[in-house]
Amino acid sequence: MTLPIRFARLDRYHLSEGQIFFALTIVLGILCALASVLFTLAIDGTKQVLFGLAPSSLRLVLVPALVSLGTGYLLAKFFPEARGSGVPQT
C-alpha cells in the first residue's frame, strides 16, 4: 500500500498508529491547556475593565444591571431568533 506524498515522510519513522495518536493527544492537551489559560485571563481582564481594582458597592450593582439591559436590548433588536435557546430548551 502506498502512502500519499504528505504521509510518506512519516513512514520513515516507522511510527505505529498508537504512537501517532499518543503524540496527537499530547499536542491537543497542550492546546486545550493554553486555551483554558487564555480564557481565564480574558475573564480576569474583563472583570478588571468592568469593575476596576477596588469596586464600589454602587459599581457592583450597576455594572451587571447595565450589561444585562444591554444584552437584552441586543437580543430583542438584532438577534430575536436566539430567544429560547439554552439549557431549559435542551
Protein backbone atom coordinates (compact mmCIF):
# COMPACT_ATOMS: atom_id res chain seq x y z
CA MET A 1 0.00 0.00 0.00
CA THR A 2 1.48 3.32 -0.99
CA LEU A 3 1.05 6.33 1.22
CA PRO A 4 0.12 9.77 -0.09
CA ILE A 5 3.09 12.07 -0.56
CA ARG A 6 2.38 14.12 2.55
CA PHE A 7 2.46 10.99 4.74
CA ALA A 8 5.43 9.39 3.00
CA ARG A 9 7.81 11.35 5.21
CA LEU A 10 6.17 9.89 8.33
CA ASP A 11 6.67 6.38 7.03
CA ARG A 12 10.44 6.56 7.51
CA TYR A 13 9.94 6.99 11.28
CA HIS A 14 8.03 3.68 11.49
CA LEU A 15 5.52 5.04 13.97
CA SER A 16 2.62 2.85 14.91
CA GLU A 17 -0.93 4.14 14.91
CA GLY A 18 -0.93 4.16 18.71
CA GLN A 19 2.19 6.31 18.83
CA ILE A 20 0.71 8.80 16.38
CA PHE A 21 -2.50 9.03 18.41
CA PHE A 22 -0.44 9.46 21.60
CA ALA A 23 1.50 12.35 20.04
CA LEU A 24 -1.73 13.96 18.81
CA THR A 25 -3.21 13.56 22.29
CA ILE A 26 -0.26 15.39 23.82
CA VAL A 27 -0.48 18.20 21.26
CA LEU A 28 -4.24 18.58 21.76
CA GLY A 29 -3.81 18.54 25.54
CA ILE A 30 -1.27 21.35 25.35
CA LEU A 31 -3.53 23.38 23.04
CA CYS A 32 -6.54 22.88 25.33
CA ALA A 33 -4.50 23.91 28.37
CA LEU A 34 -3.34 27.07 26.60
CA ALA A 35 -6.91 27.84 25.54
CA SER A 36 -8.16 27.49 29.12
CA VAL A 37 -5.40 29.76 30.43
CA LEU A 38 -6.24 32.38 27.79
CA PHE A 39 -9.94 32.09 28.65
CA THR A 40 -9.17 32.64 32.34
CA LEU A 41 -7.01 35.66 31.51
CA ALA A 42 -9.80 37.06 29.33
CA ILE A 43 -12.29 36.69 32.19
CA ASP A 44 -9.92 38.41 34.62
CA GLY A 45 -9.26 41.23 32.16
CA THR A 46 -12.96 41.78 31.56
CA LYS A 47 -13.59 41.80 35.30
CA GLN A 48 -10.89 44.44 35.81
CA VAL A 49 -12.24 46.59 32.98
CA LEU A 50 -15.84 46.44 34.19
CA PHE A 51 -15.33 46.57 37.95
CA GLY A 52 -11.86 48.09 38.43
CA LEU A 53 -9.32 47.08 41.03
CA ALA A 54 -11.34 48.29 44.03
CA PRO A 55 -15.02 48.32 43.01
CA SER A 56 -17.52 50.34 44.97
CA SER A 57 -20.84 48.85 46.04
CA LEU A 58 -22.67 51.07 43.55
CA ARG A 59 -20.48 49.78 40.71
CA LEU A 60 -21.07 46.18 41.82
CA VAL A 61 -24.82 46.74 41.42
CA LEU A 62 -24.88 48.98 38.33
CA VAL A 63 -22.45 47.14 36.03
CA PRO A 64 -24.32 43.78 35.97
CA ALA A 65 -27.66 45.57 35.63
CA LEU A 66 -26.48 47.75 32.72
CA VAL A 67 -24.78 44.84 30.95
CA SER A 68 -27.96 42.77 31.34
CA LEU A 69 -30.08 45.57 29.91
CA GLY A 70 -27.66 45.99 27.00
CA THR A 71 -27.66 42.29 26.30
CA GLY A 72 -31.46 42.17 26.46
CA TYR A 73 -31.71 45.06 24.01
CA LEU A 74 -29.29 43.40 21.58
CA LEU A 75 -31.20 40.11 21.80
CA ALA A 76 -34.58 41.78 21.24
CA LYS A 77 -33.48 44.13 18.46
CA PHE A 78 -30.82 42.27 16.47
CA PHE A 79 -30.94 38.58 17.48
CA PRO A 80 -34.59 37.60 18.09
CA GLU A 81 -34.01 34.07 16.78
CA ALA A 82 -31.63 33.42 19.68
CA ARG A 83 -34.53 33.62 22.12
CA GLY A 84 -35.39 30.31 23.71
CA SER A 85 -32.03 28.70 23.22
CA GLY A 86 -30.37 27.50 26.34
CA VAL A 87 -30.26 24.81 28.99
CA PRO A 88 -34.04 24.51 29.61
CA GLN A 89 -34.69 24.01 25.89
CA THR A 90 -32.15 21.23 25.51
